[in-house]
């Protein structure tokens, strides 16, 4: 791990408004170089999104930190992640939560992320392949849910799988130029919705899984 680059990134995240020390420690503890494609290894600790396979991306560290901070994860919590991708966000969450359940549409991405997490000694993440918009009903309810792709509207299936007192963090918006990150807090009296920041995510695809990679 490139320690000076890690320290530089953590300083940049602090300057950008990230104040939760546990989140910063989790970011620093996960070697982002292991999650990026080899051509981008030198940029692994830059505060920027980078491409991975199947047209997906590994999110900008500031977005990962902001979403994780907004989620308010505790050590006894069960977290659902929609969109495993490289496994980087799941790895960060695994440093903070009791267990992370992560769903990915593309089987090769899911399996690669699963192997990568095990190689890094991260064993409290469970990966599966499926339509993330449907959540993971057999493991619900979840204390926290995070969606790493943009939904056109608030995903009701995920809200339904959120425990009372739980938090859902999700990018919302059809147009990538006008997406916003929302935090939804579920209580016995209903839902509280907060708009956190503008973001830019690949779309959350709903419906049948692609044939590619599903064999």
N, C-alpha and C. Protein backbone atom coordinates (compact mmCIF):
# COMPACT_ATOMS: atom_id res chain seq x y z
N UNK A 1 0.85 -1.20 0.00
CA UNK A 1 0.00 0.00 0.00
C UNK A 1 0.88 1.24 0.00
N UNK A 2 0.53 2.21 -0.81
CA UNK A 2 1.28 3.46 -0.94
C UNK A 2 0.88 4.40 0.20
N UNK A 3 1.63 4.36 1.29
CA UNK A 3 1.24 5.09 2.50
C UNK A 3 1.14 6.60 2.28
N UNK A 4 2.12 7.25 1.63
CA UNK A 4 1.97 8.69 1.40
C UNK A 4 0.72 9.03 0.58
N UNK A 5 0.40 8.21 -0.41
CA UNK A 5 -0.79 8.46 -1.23
C UNK A 5 -2.05 8.29 -0.40
N UNK A 6 -2.06 7.29 0.49
CA UNK A 6 -3.22 7.09 1.38
C UNK A 6 -3.39 8.30 2.29
N UNK A 7 -2.31 8.74 2.87
CA UNK A 7 -2.37 9.90 3.78
C UNK A 7 -2.85 11.15 3.05
N UNK A 8 -2.40 11.31 1.82
CA UNK A 8 -2.82 12.46 1.03
C UNK A 8 -4.32 12.40 0.74
N UNK A 9 -4.82 11.21 0.41
CA UNK A 9 -6.25 11.06 0.14
C UNK A 9 -7.08 11.33 1.40
N UNK A 10 -6.65 10.80 2.53
CA UNK A 10 -7.40 11.01 3.78
C UNK A 10 -7.44 12.49 4.13
N UNK A 11 -6.33 13.19 3.92
CA UNK A 11 -6.30 14.64 4.18
C UNK A 11 -7.27 15.36 3.25
N UNK A 12 -7.33 14.93 2.00
CA UNK A 12 -8.25 15.55 1.04
C UNK A 12 -9.71 15.29 1.43
N UNK A 13 -10.00 14.08 1.91
CA UNK A 13 -11.36 13.76 2.33
C UNK A 13 -11.76 14.62 3.53
N UNK A 14 -10.83 14.81 4.46
CA UNK A 14 -11.11 15.68 5.62
C UNK A 14 -11.40 17.11 5.16
N UNK A 15 -10.60 17.59 4.24
CA UNK A 15 -10.78 18.95 3.74
C UNK A 15 -12.12 19.09 3.01
N UNK A 16 -12.61 17.98 2.47
CA UNK A 16 -13.88 18.00 1.73
C UNK A 16 -15.09 17.82 2.64
N UNK A 17 -14.84 17.66 3.95
CA UNK A 17 -15.96 17.65 4.88
C UNK A 17 -16.27 16.32 5.54
N UNK A 18 -15.48 15.28 5.28
CA UNK A 18 -15.69 14.00 5.95
C UNK A 18 -15.12 14.10 7.36
N UNK A 19 -15.97 13.87 8.36
CA UNK A 19 -15.56 14.06 9.76
C UNK A 19 -15.58 12.78 10.57
N UNK A 20 -16.22 11.74 10.08
CA UNK A 20 -16.33 10.48 10.84
C UNK A 20 -15.00 9.75 10.78
N UNK A 21 -14.29 9.72 11.91
CA UNK A 21 -12.96 9.11 11.94
C UNK A 21 -12.99 7.62 11.63
N UNK A 22 -14.06 6.94 12.03
CA UNK A 22 -14.15 5.50 11.73
C UNK A 22 -14.27 5.26 10.23
N UNK A 23 -14.99 6.12 9.55
CA UNK A 23 -15.09 6.01 8.09
C UNK A 23 -13.73 6.27 7.45
N UNK A 24 -13.04 7.29 7.91
CA UNK A 24 -11.71 7.59 7.38
C UNK A 24 -10.73 6.45 7.64
N UNK A 25 -10.83 5.85 8.82
CA UNK A 25 -9.97 4.71 9.13
C UNK A 25 -10.27 3.53 8.22
N UNK A 26 -11.55 3.31 7.93
CA UNK A 26 -11.92 2.21 7.04
C UNK A 26 -11.40 2.45 5.62
N UNK A 27 -11.52 3.69 5.14
CA UNK A 27 -11.00 4.03 3.81
C UNK A 27 -9.49 3.78 3.77
N UNK A 28 -8.79 4.20 4.81
CA UNK A 28 -7.34 4.05 4.86
C UNK A 28 -6.92 2.58 4.95
N UNK A 29 -7.78 1.75 5.56
CA UNK A 29 -7.42 0.36 5.79
C UNK A 29 -7.65 -0.54 4.58
N UNK A 30 -8.42 -0.08 3.60
CA UNK A 30 -8.72 -0.90 2.43
C UNK A 30 -7.82 -0.46 1.28
N UNK A 31 -7.02 -1.39 0.78
CA UNK A 31 -6.06 -1.08 -0.28
C UNK A 31 -6.78 -0.93 -1.62
N UNK A 32 -7.07 0.31 -2.02
CA UNK A 32 -7.82 0.55 -3.24
C UNK A 32 -7.09 0.05 -4.48
N UNK A 33 -5.78 -0.08 -4.41
CA UNK A 33 -5.01 -0.60 -5.55
C UNK A 33 -5.47 -2.00 -5.94
N UNK A 34 -5.96 -2.77 -4.97
CA UNK A 34 -6.39 -4.14 -5.25
C UNK A 34 -7.73 -4.20 -5.98
N UNK A 35 -8.41 -3.07 -6.09
CA UNK A 35 -9.76 -3.04 -6.67
C UNK A 35 -9.82 -2.37 -8.04
N UNK A 36 -8.72 -1.77 -8.47
CA UNK A 36 -8.72 -1.09 -9.77
C UNK A 36 -8.02 -1.96 -10.80
N UNK A 37 -8.33 -1.71 -12.07
CA UNK A 37 -7.69 -2.44 -13.15
C UNK A 37 -6.22 -2.05 -13.23
N UNK A 38 -5.33 -2.98 -13.62
CA UNK A 38 -3.89 -2.69 -13.66
C UNK A 38 -3.50 -1.41 -14.38
N UNK A 39 -4.15 -1.05 -15.51
CA UNK A 39 -3.74 0.19 -16.18
C UNK A 39 -3.95 1.45 -15.34
N UNK A 40 -4.79 1.34 -14.30
CA UNK A 40 -5.09 2.51 -13.48
C UNK A 40 -4.47 2.43 -12.08
N UNK A 41 -3.55 1.49 -11.88
CA UNK A 41 -2.98 1.27 -10.55
C UNK A 41 -2.33 2.53 -9.99
N UNK A 42 -1.67 3.30 -10.85
CA UNK A 42 -0.98 4.50 -10.37
C UNK A 42 -1.97 5.57 -9.90
N UNK A 43 -3.24 5.44 -10.32
CA UNK A 43 -4.25 6.44 -9.95
C UNK A 43 -5.18 5.91 -8.85
N UNK A 44 -4.84 4.77 -8.28
CA UNK A 44 -5.74 4.11 -7.33
C UNK A 44 -6.10 5.00 -6.15
N UNK A 45 -5.16 5.82 -5.70
CA UNK A 45 -5.42 6.65 -4.51
C UNK A 45 -5.77 8.09 -4.87
N UNK A 46 -6.01 8.33 -6.15
CA UNK A 46 -6.52 9.64 -6.55
C UNK A 46 -8.00 9.72 -6.18
N UNK A 47 -8.46 10.90 -5.90
CA UNK A 47 -9.86 11.09 -5.53
C UNK A 47 -10.71 11.21 -6.80
N UNK A 48 -10.83 10.09 -7.51
CA UNK A 48 -11.55 10.06 -8.77
C UNK A 48 -12.15 8.69 -9.00
N UNK A 49 -13.25 8.64 -9.76
CA UNK A 49 -13.83 7.37 -10.17
C UNK A 49 -12.97 6.77 -11.28
N UNK A 50 -12.93 5.44 -11.34
CA UNK A 50 -12.14 4.76 -12.36
C UNK A 50 -12.97 3.65 -12.98
N UNK A 51 -12.75 3.35 -14.27
CA UNK A 51 -13.55 2.32 -14.94
C UNK A 51 -13.14 0.91 -14.51
N UNK A 52 -14.14 0.02 -14.45
CA UNK A 52 -13.90 -1.41 -14.30
C UNK A 52 -14.66 -2.11 -15.42
N UNK A 53 -14.82 -3.41 -15.35
CA UNK A 53 -15.44 -4.17 -16.43
C UNK A 53 -16.93 -3.90 -16.55
N UNK A 54 -17.50 -4.29 -17.68
CA UNK A 54 -18.95 -4.25 -17.94
C UNK A 54 -19.53 -2.85 -17.86
N UNK A 55 -18.70 -1.84 -18.20
CA UNK A 55 -19.18 -0.47 -18.22
C UNK A 55 -19.45 0.11 -16.85
N UNK A 56 -18.96 -0.53 -15.80
CA UNK A 56 -19.16 -0.06 -14.43
C UNK A 56 -17.95 0.76 -13.97
N UNK A 57 -18.04 1.33 -12.79
CA UNK A 57 -16.94 2.12 -12.26
C UNK A 57 -16.70 1.80 -10.79
N UNK A 58 -15.49 2.07 -10.33
CA UNK A 58 -15.22 2.11 -8.90
C UNK A 58 -15.36 3.58 -8.50
N UNK A 59 -16.23 3.83 -7.54
CA UNK A 59 -16.63 5.20 -7.24
C UNK A 59 -15.47 6.04 -6.71
N UNK A 60 -15.61 7.34 -6.87
CA UNK A 60 -14.68 8.31 -6.30
C UNK A 60 -14.63 8.12 -4.79
N UNK A 61 -13.44 8.10 -4.18
CA UNK A 61 -13.33 7.91 -2.74
C UNK A 61 -14.17 8.89 -1.92
N UNK A 62 -14.30 10.14 -2.37
CA UNK A 62 -15.13 11.10 -1.64
C UNK A 62 -16.59 10.66 -1.63
N UNK A 63 -17.07 10.10 -2.73
CA UNK A 63 -18.45 9.61 -2.78
C UNK A 63 -18.61 8.39 -1.88
N UNK A 64 -17.64 7.47 -1.92
CA UNK A 64 -17.67 6.30 -1.04
C UNK A 64 -17.70 6.75 0.42
N UNK A 65 -16.83 7.68 0.77
CA UNK A 65 -16.77 8.17 2.15
C UNK A 65 -18.06 8.88 2.54
N UNK A 66 -18.59 9.70 1.64
CA UNK A 66 -19.82 10.46 1.94
C UNK A 66 -21.01 9.52 2.13
N UNK A 67 -21.14 8.53 1.25
CA UNK A 67 -22.25 7.59 1.36
C UNK A 67 -22.12 6.75 2.64
N UNK A 68 -20.90 6.33 2.93
CA UNK A 68 -20.67 5.52 4.13
C UNK A 68 -20.94 6.33 5.38
N UNK A 69 -20.51 7.56 5.40
CA UNK A 69 -20.76 8.43 6.55
C UNK A 69 -22.26 8.66 6.73
N UNK A 70 -22.97 8.89 5.63
CA UNK A 70 -24.41 9.12 5.69
C UNK A 70 -25.17 7.88 6.19
N UNK A 71 -24.58 6.71 5.97
CA UNK A 71 -25.23 5.46 6.35
C UNK A 71 -25.20 5.22 7.86
N UNK A 72 -24.23 5.83 8.55
CA UNK A 72 -24.12 5.71 10.01
C UNK A 72 -24.09 4.24 10.46
N UNK A 73 -23.12 3.51 9.95
CA UNK A 73 -23.03 2.07 10.20
C UNK A 73 -22.44 1.80 11.58
N UNK A 74 -23.04 0.86 12.31
CA UNK A 74 -22.53 0.42 13.59
C UNK A 74 -22.02 -1.01 13.53
N UNK A 75 -21.21 -1.41 14.49
CA UNK A 75 -20.53 -2.71 14.43
C UNK A 75 -21.44 -3.93 14.54
N UNK A 76 -22.67 -3.77 14.97
CA UNK A 76 -23.58 -4.90 15.10
C UNK A 76 -24.61 -4.95 13.97
N UNK A 77 -24.42 -4.12 12.97
CA UNK A 77 -25.44 -3.97 11.93
C UNK A 77 -25.26 -4.92 10.75
N UNK A 78 -26.39 -5.23 10.14
CA UNK A 78 -26.44 -6.01 8.91
C UNK A 78 -26.77 -5.06 7.76
N UNK A 79 -25.88 -5.03 6.76
CA UNK A 79 -25.97 -4.05 5.68
C UNK A 79 -26.21 -4.76 4.35
N UNK A 80 -27.10 -4.19 3.53
CA UNK A 80 -27.30 -4.66 2.17
C UNK A 80 -26.71 -3.64 1.21
N UNK A 81 -25.88 -4.11 0.29
CA UNK A 81 -25.33 -3.26 -0.76
C UNK A 81 -25.88 -3.71 -2.10
N UNK A 82 -26.39 -2.78 -2.88
CA UNK A 82 -26.86 -3.07 -4.23
C UNK A 82 -25.81 -2.56 -5.21
N UNK A 83 -25.16 -3.49 -5.92
CA UNK A 83 -24.11 -3.14 -6.86
C UNK A 83 -22.73 -3.40 -6.31
N UNK A 84 -22.29 -4.65 -6.35
CA UNK A 84 -20.98 -5.02 -5.78
C UNK A 84 -19.85 -4.36 -6.54
N UNK A 85 -19.94 -4.39 -7.88
CA UNK A 85 -18.86 -3.83 -8.69
C UNK A 85 -17.53 -4.49 -8.39
N UNK A 86 -16.54 -3.70 -8.09
CA UNK A 86 -15.21 -4.23 -7.77
C UNK A 86 -15.14 -4.83 -6.38
N UNK A 87 -16.10 -4.49 -5.53
CA UNK A 87 -16.07 -4.93 -4.14
C UNK A 87 -15.49 -3.91 -3.18
N UNK A 88 -15.09 -2.75 -3.70
CA UNK A 88 -14.42 -1.75 -2.86
C UNK A 88 -15.34 -1.18 -1.79
N UNK A 89 -16.55 -0.76 -2.18
CA UNK A 89 -17.48 -0.22 -1.18
C UNK A 89 -17.83 -1.28 -0.14
N UNK A 90 -18.01 -2.52 -0.57
CA UNK A 90 -18.30 -3.61 0.37
C UNK A 90 -17.16 -3.80 1.35
N UNK A 91 -15.93 -3.68 0.87
CA UNK A 91 -14.77 -3.84 1.74
C UNK A 91 -14.72 -2.75 2.81
N UNK A 92 -15.05 -1.52 2.42
CA UNK A 92 -15.09 -0.42 3.38
C UNK A 92 -16.19 -0.67 4.42
N UNK A 93 -17.36 -1.06 3.95
CA UNK A 93 -18.48 -1.34 4.86
C UNK A 93 -18.14 -2.49 5.81
N UNK A 94 -17.40 -3.47 5.31
CA UNK A 94 -17.05 -4.64 6.12
C UNK A 94 -16.20 -4.28 7.33
N UNK A 95 -15.48 -3.16 7.23
CA UNK A 95 -14.67 -2.69 8.36
C UNK A 95 -15.54 -2.08 9.47
N UNK A 96 -16.80 -1.78 9.15
CA UNK A 96 -17.66 -1.05 10.07
C UNK A 96 -18.86 -1.86 10.56
N UNK A 97 -19.30 -2.84 9.77
CA UNK A 97 -20.54 -3.57 10.04
C UNK A 97 -20.26 -5.00 10.50
N UNK A 98 -21.30 -5.64 11.05
CA UNK A 98 -21.18 -7.05 11.41
C UNK A 98 -21.13 -7.93 10.16
N UNK A 99 -22.05 -7.68 9.22
CA UNK A 99 -22.09 -8.46 8.00
C UNK A 99 -22.64 -7.61 6.87
N UNK A 100 -22.09 -7.82 5.67
CA UNK A 100 -22.52 -7.11 4.47
C UNK A 100 -23.01 -8.12 3.45
N UNK A 101 -24.22 -7.90 2.93
CA UNK A 101 -24.77 -8.70 1.84
C UNK A 101 -24.72 -7.83 0.59
N UNK A 102 -24.11 -8.33 -0.48
CA UNK A 102 -23.89 -7.51 -1.67
C UNK A 102 -24.40 -8.23 -2.91
N UNK A 103 -25.21 -7.53 -3.71
CA UNK A 103 -25.81 -8.10 -4.91
C UNK A 103 -25.23 -7.40 -6.14
N UNK A 104 -24.87 -8.20 -7.15
CA UNK A 104 -24.33 -7.69 -8.41
C UNK A 104 -25.05 -8.37 -9.58
N UNK A 105 -25.35 -7.62 -10.63
CA UNK A 105 -26.01 -8.18 -11.80
C UNK A 105 -25.09 -9.08 -12.62
N UNK A 106 -23.81 -8.70 -12.70
CA UNK A 106 -22.89 -9.41 -13.58
C UNK A 106 -22.10 -10.45 -12.80
N UNK A 107 -22.30 -11.71 -13.15
CA UNK A 107 -21.68 -12.81 -12.41
C UNK A 107 -20.15 -12.71 -12.36
N UNK A 108 -19.46 -12.40 -13.50
CA UNK A 108 -18.00 -12.30 -13.42
C UNK A 108 -17.52 -11.24 -12.43
N UNK A 109 -18.20 -10.10 -12.39
CA UNK A 109 -17.84 -9.06 -11.42
C UNK A 109 -18.02 -9.56 -10.00
N UNK A 110 -19.15 -10.22 -9.75
CA UNK A 110 -19.45 -10.71 -8.40
C UNK A 110 -18.41 -11.72 -7.95
N UNK A 111 -18.09 -12.67 -8.80
CA UNK A 111 -17.14 -13.71 -8.42
C UNK A 111 -15.74 -13.15 -8.22
N UNK A 112 -15.35 -12.21 -9.09
CA UNK A 112 -14.04 -11.59 -8.94
C UNK A 112 -13.95 -10.79 -7.64
N UNK A 113 -15.02 -10.06 -7.33
CA UNK A 113 -15.04 -9.28 -6.08
C UNK A 113 -14.97 -10.22 -4.88
N UNK A 114 -15.70 -11.33 -4.95
CA UNK A 114 -15.72 -12.28 -3.86
C UNK A 114 -14.32 -12.84 -3.60
N UNK A 115 -13.62 -13.22 -4.67
CA UNK A 115 -12.25 -13.73 -4.53
C UNK A 115 -11.32 -12.66 -3.97
N UNK A 116 -11.50 -11.44 -4.44
CA UNK A 116 -10.63 -10.34 -4.00
C UNK A 116 -10.82 -10.08 -2.49
N UNK A 117 -12.04 -10.10 -2.05
CA UNK A 117 -12.31 -9.86 -0.63
C UNK A 117 -11.70 -10.95 0.24
N UNK A 118 -11.84 -12.20 -0.19
CA UNK A 118 -11.25 -13.31 0.57
C UNK A 118 -9.73 -13.18 0.60
N UNK A 119 -9.14 -12.83 -0.55
CA UNK A 119 -7.68 -12.67 -0.60
C UNK A 119 -7.20 -11.59 0.37
N UNK A 120 -8.07 -10.61 0.63
CA UNK A 120 -7.72 -9.52 1.55
C UNK A 120 -8.08 -9.85 3.00
N UNK A 121 -8.59 -11.08 3.23
CA UNK A 121 -8.94 -11.49 4.58
C UNK A 121 -10.24 -10.89 5.08
N UNK A 122 -11.11 -10.51 4.16
CA UNK A 122 -12.42 -9.95 4.52
C UNK A 122 -13.46 -11.04 4.35
N UNK A 123 -13.98 -11.55 5.45
CA UNK A 123 -14.85 -12.73 5.42
C UNK A 123 -16.29 -12.43 5.82
N UNK A 124 -16.61 -11.20 6.12
CA UNK A 124 -17.97 -10.89 6.57
C UNK A 124 -18.80 -10.23 5.47
N UNK A 125 -18.44 -10.50 4.21
CA UNK A 125 -19.22 -10.06 3.06
C UNK A 125 -19.75 -11.28 2.32
N UNK A 126 -21.05 -11.29 2.07
CA UNK A 126 -21.70 -12.38 1.32
C UNK A 126 -22.14 -11.81 -0.02
N UNK A 127 -21.66 -12.38 -1.12
CA UNK A 127 -21.98 -11.88 -2.46
C UNK A 127 -22.96 -12.81 -3.17
N UNK A 128 -23.80 -12.22 -3.99
CA UNK A 128 -24.73 -13.01 -4.81
C UNK A 128 -24.98 -12.26 -6.11
N UNK A 129 -25.51 -12.99 -7.09
CA UNK A 129 -25.84 -12.43 -8.39
C UNK A 129 -27.35 -12.32 -8.50
N UNK A 130 -27.85 -11.17 -8.91
CA UNK A 130 -29.29 -11.02 -9.03
C UNK A 130 -29.69 -9.60 -9.41
N UNK A 131 -30.98 -9.38 -9.47
CA UNK A 131 -31.56 -8.07 -9.76
C UNK A 131 -31.61 -7.28 -8.45
N UNK A 132 -30.69 -6.33 -8.33
CA UNK A 132 -30.57 -5.59 -7.07
C UNK A 132 -31.80 -4.79 -6.71
N UNK A 133 -32.60 -4.43 -7.70
CA UNK A 133 -33.80 -3.63 -7.41
C UNK A 133 -34.79 -4.40 -6.55
N UNK A 134 -34.65 -5.74 -6.53
CA UNK A 134 -35.54 -6.58 -5.73
C UNK A 134 -35.00 -6.81 -4.32
N UNK A 135 -33.77 -6.36 -4.06
CA UNK A 135 -33.18 -6.56 -2.75
C UNK A 135 -32.81 -8.01 -2.50
N UNK A 136 -32.85 -8.39 -1.22
CA UNK A 136 -32.49 -9.75 -0.80
C UNK A 136 -33.52 -10.17 0.25
N UNK A 137 -34.75 -10.49 -0.19
CA UNK A 137 -35.86 -10.70 0.75
C UNK A 137 -35.60 -11.75 1.82
N UNK A 138 -34.87 -12.80 1.45
CA UNK A 138 -34.67 -13.90 2.42
C UNK A 138 -33.79 -13.48 3.59
N UNK A 139 -33.03 -12.39 3.46
CA UNK A 139 -32.16 -11.91 4.54
C UNK A 139 -32.69 -10.65 5.22
N UNK A 140 -33.81 -10.13 4.72
CA UNK A 140 -34.39 -8.91 5.31
C UNK A 140 -34.98 -9.22 6.68
N UNK A 141 -35.10 -8.20 7.56
CA UNK A 141 -34.80 -6.79 7.31
C UNK A 141 -33.33 -6.46 7.51
N UNK A 142 -32.92 -5.34 6.91
CA UNK A 142 -31.55 -4.85 7.03
C UNK A 142 -31.53 -3.56 7.84
N UNK A 143 -30.46 -3.41 8.62
CA UNK A 143 -30.29 -2.17 9.39
C UNK A 143 -29.92 -1.00 8.50
N UNK A 144 -29.17 -1.30 7.46
CA UNK A 144 -28.73 -0.28 6.53
C UNK A 144 -28.75 -0.86 5.11
N UNK A 145 -29.09 -0.01 4.12
CA UNK A 145 -29.05 -0.40 2.72
C UNK A 145 -28.38 0.73 1.94
N UNK A 146 -27.44 0.36 1.08
CA UNK A 146 -26.74 1.33 0.25
C UNK A 146 -26.85 0.87 -1.20
N UNK A 147 -27.15 1.82 -2.08
CA UNK A 147 -27.31 1.52 -3.51
C UNK A 147 -26.23 2.29 -4.26
N UNK A 148 -25.42 1.58 -5.04
CA UNK A 148 -24.31 2.21 -5.73
C UNK A 148 -24.59 2.34 -7.23
N UNK A 149 -25.87 2.51 -7.58
CA UNK A 149 -26.30 2.83 -8.93
C UNK A 149 -27.53 3.71 -8.79
N UNK A 150 -27.79 4.52 -9.80
CA UNK A 150 -28.86 5.52 -9.68
C UNK A 150 -30.22 4.94 -10.04
N UNK A 151 -31.17 5.05 -9.12
CA UNK A 151 -32.54 4.63 -9.36
C UNK A 151 -33.33 5.80 -9.94
N UNK A 152 -34.25 5.50 -10.86
CA UNK A 152 -35.08 6.56 -11.43
C UNK A 152 -36.02 7.15 -10.38
N UNK A 153 -36.44 6.30 -9.44
CA UNK A 153 -37.28 6.75 -8.34
C UNK A 153 -36.91 5.95 -7.10
N UNK A 154 -37.40 6.37 -5.98
CA UNK A 154 -37.05 5.68 -4.73
C UNK A 154 -37.51 4.23 -4.79
N UNK A 155 -36.59 3.28 -4.54
CA UNK A 155 -36.91 1.85 -4.72
C UNK A 155 -37.75 1.30 -3.56
N UNK A 156 -39.03 1.08 -3.82
CA UNK A 156 -39.94 0.67 -2.76
C UNK A 156 -39.58 -0.70 -2.18
N UNK A 157 -39.12 -1.62 -3.05
CA UNK A 157 -38.77 -2.95 -2.56
C UNK A 157 -37.67 -2.88 -1.51
N UNK A 158 -36.74 -1.97 -1.69
CA UNK A 158 -35.65 -1.82 -0.73
C UNK A 158 -36.13 -1.13 0.54
N UNK A 159 -36.99 -0.15 0.39
CA UNK A 159 -37.57 0.51 1.56
C UNK A 159 -38.32 -0.51 2.41
N UNK A 160 -39.04 -1.43 1.75
CA UNK A 160 -39.80 -2.46 2.46
C UNK A 160 -38.88 -3.40 3.24
N UNK A 161 -37.64 -3.59 2.75
CA UNK A 161 -36.71 -4.51 3.41
C UNK A 161 -35.84 -3.82 4.46
N UNK A 162 -36.10 -2.55 4.69
CA UNK A 162 -35.37 -1.79 5.69
C UNK A 162 -36.04 -1.94 7.05
N UNK A 163 -35.25 -2.22 8.07
CA UNK A 163 -35.78 -2.34 9.43
C UNK A 163 -36.25 -0.98 9.92
N UNK A 164 -37.18 -1.00 10.87
CA UNK A 164 -37.59 0.25 11.51
C UNK A 164 -36.37 0.83 12.23
N UNK A 165 -36.11 2.10 11.99
CA UNK A 165 -34.89 2.72 12.50
C UNK A 165 -33.74 2.63 11.52
N UNK A 166 -33.98 1.96 10.40
CA UNK A 166 -32.93 1.75 9.41
C UNK A 166 -32.74 2.94 8.49
N UNK A 167 -31.63 2.91 7.74
CA UNK A 167 -31.27 3.99 6.83
C UNK A 167 -30.96 3.41 5.45
N UNK A 168 -31.52 4.03 4.42
CA UNK A 168 -31.23 3.72 3.03
C UNK A 168 -30.54 4.93 2.41
N UNK A 169 -29.40 4.70 1.77
CA UNK A 169 -28.71 5.75 1.03
C UNK A 169 -28.70 5.35 -0.44
N UNK A 170 -29.27 6.22 -1.30
CA UNK A 170 -29.47 5.84 -2.70
C UNK A 170 -29.36 7.07 -3.60
N UNK A 171 -28.65 6.95 -4.73
CA UNK A 171 -28.68 8.02 -5.73
C UNK A 171 -30.00 7.93 -6.49
N UNK A 172 -30.64 9.07 -6.73
CA UNK A 172 -31.92 9.09 -7.41
C UNK A 172 -31.87 10.09 -8.56
N UNK A 173 -32.39 9.66 -9.71
CA UNK A 173 -32.46 10.56 -10.87
C UNK A 173 -32.18 9.83 -12.16
N UNK A 174 -33.03 10.07 -13.15
CA UNK A 174 -32.85 9.43 -14.45
C UNK A 174 -31.69 10.04 -15.22
N UNK A 175 -31.57 11.35 -15.16
CA UNK A 175 -30.54 12.08 -15.90
C UNK A 175 -29.26 12.15 -15.07
N UNK A 176 -28.15 11.62 -15.59
CA UNK A 176 -26.89 11.64 -14.82
C UNK A 176 -26.45 13.04 -14.41
N UNK A 177 -26.91 14.07 -15.13
CA UNK A 177 -26.50 15.44 -14.81
C UNK A 177 -27.32 16.04 -13.68
N UNK A 178 -28.38 15.33 -13.25
CA UNK A 178 -29.23 15.90 -12.19
C UNK A 178 -29.53 14.89 -11.09
N UNK A 179 -28.66 13.90 -10.93
CA UNK A 179 -28.84 12.92 -9.86
C UNK A 179 -28.49 13.55 -8.51
N UNK A 180 -29.20 13.10 -7.47
CA UNK A 180 -28.89 13.53 -6.12
C UNK A 180 -28.81 12.30 -5.21
N UNK A 181 -27.99 12.40 -4.20
CA UNK A 181 -27.89 11.35 -3.20
C UNK A 181 -28.92 11.61 -2.11
N UNK A 182 -29.76 10.61 -1.84
CA UNK A 182 -30.79 10.75 -0.82
C UNK A 182 -30.52 9.80 0.34
N UNK A 183 -30.86 10.24 1.53
CA UNK A 183 -30.87 9.37 2.71
C UNK A 183 -32.32 9.26 3.18
N UNK A 184 -32.77 8.02 3.31
CA UNK A 184 -34.13 7.75 3.77
C UNK A 184 -34.05 7.03 5.10
N UNK A 185 -34.65 7.62 6.12
CA UNK A 185 -34.67 7.03 7.46
C UNK A 185 -36.08 6.52 7.73
N UNK A 186 -36.18 5.26 8.07
CA UNK A 186 -37.48 4.62 8.28
C UNK A 186 -37.80 4.58 9.77
N UNK A 187 -38.96 5.10 10.13
CA UNK A 187 -39.41 5.05 11.52
C UNK A 187 -40.81 4.47 11.57
N UNK A 188 -41.31 4.27 12.78
CA UNK A 188 -42.67 3.76 12.92
C UNK A 188 -43.70 4.75 12.39
N UNK A 189 -43.31 6.01 12.29
CA UNK A 189 -44.23 7.04 11.83
C UNK A 189 -44.13 7.33 10.33
N UNK A 190 -43.20 6.65 9.64
CA UNK A 190 -43.05 6.89 8.21
C UNK A 190 -41.60 7.06 7.81
N UNK A 191 -41.39 7.83 6.73
CA UNK A 191 -40.06 8.01 6.17
C UNK A 191 -39.61 9.46 6.24
N UNK A 192 -38.36 9.64 6.61
CA UNK A 192 -37.74 10.96 6.54
C UNK A 192 -36.74 10.95 5.40
N UNK A 193 -36.84 11.90 4.49
CA UNK A 193 -35.96 11.94 3.33
C UNK A 193 -35.09 13.18 3.37
N UNK A 194 -33.79 13.00 3.18
CA UNK A 194 -32.84 14.10 3.15
C UNK A 194 -32.06 14.04 1.84
N UNK A 195 -31.93 15.18 1.17
CA UNK A 195 -31.08 15.28 -0.01
C UNK A 195 -29.68 15.70 0.44
N UNK A 196 -28.67 14.90 0.07
CA UNK A 196 -27.33 15.10 0.61
C UNK A 196 -26.39 15.84 -0.32
N UNK A 197 -26.31 15.42 -1.60
CA UNK A 197 -25.33 16.02 -2.50
C UNK A 197 -25.61 15.58 -3.93
N UNK A 198 -25.17 16.36 -4.91
CA UNK A 198 -25.27 15.89 -6.30
C UNK A 198 -24.26 14.78 -6.56
N UNK A 199 -24.65 13.79 -7.35
CA UNK A 199 -23.77 12.66 -7.66
C UNK A 199 -23.95 12.29 -9.13
N UNK A 200 -23.13 11.36 -9.58
CA UNK A 200 -23.22 10.88 -10.96
C UNK A 200 -22.90 9.38 -10.96
N UNK A 201 -23.93 8.55 -11.11
CA UNK A 201 -23.78 7.10 -11.06
C UNK A 201 -24.31 6.46 -12.34
N UNK A 202 -23.82 5.25 -12.63
CA UNK A 202 -24.42 4.46 -13.69
C UNK A 202 -25.84 4.10 -13.24
N UNK A 203 -26.76 3.83 -14.18
CA UNK A 203 -28.15 3.57 -13.79
C UNK A 203 -28.34 2.21 -13.13
N UNK A 204 -29.30 2.15 -12.21
CA UNK A 204 -29.73 0.89 -11.63
C UNK A 204 -30.64 0.21 -12.64
N UNK A 205 -30.20 -0.93 -13.18
CA UNK A 205 -30.95 -1.63 -14.22
C UNK A 205 -31.94 -2.58 -13.54
N UNK A 206 -33.18 -2.49 -13.95
CA UNK A 206 -34.24 -3.29 -13.37
C UNK A 206 -34.75 -4.28 -14.40
N UNK A 207 -34.98 -5.53 -13.99
CA UNK A 207 -35.55 -6.52 -14.89
C UNK A 207 -34.65 -7.71 -15.08
N UNK A 208 -34.83 -8.39 -16.20
CA UNK A 208 -34.13 -9.64 -16.45
C UNK A 208 -32.62 -9.45 -16.44
N UNK A 209 -31.92 -10.44 -15.92
CA UNK A 209 -30.47 -10.38 -15.89
C UNK A 209 -29.90 -10.63 -17.27
N UNK A 210 -28.73 -10.02 -17.56
CA UNK A 210 -28.12 -10.25 -18.87
C UNK A 210 -27.65 -11.69 -19.01
N UNK A 211 -27.66 -12.17 -20.26
CA UNK A 211 -27.19 -13.54 -20.51
C UNK A 211 -25.70 -13.65 -20.29
N UNK A 212 -24.96 -12.60 -20.70
CA UNK A 212 -23.51 -12.62 -20.59
C UNK A 212 -23.07 -12.83 -19.16
N UNK A 213 -22.23 -13.85 -18.95
CA UNK A 213 -21.67 -14.08 -17.63
C UNK A 213 -22.55 -14.84 -16.68
N UNK A 214 -23.72 -15.28 -17.16
CA UNK A 214 -24.63 -15.95 -16.22
C UNK A 214 -24.54 -17.47 -16.31
N UNK A 215 -23.62 -17.97 -17.12
CA UNK A 215 -23.50 -19.42 -17.26
C UNK A 215 -22.70 -20.04 -16.15
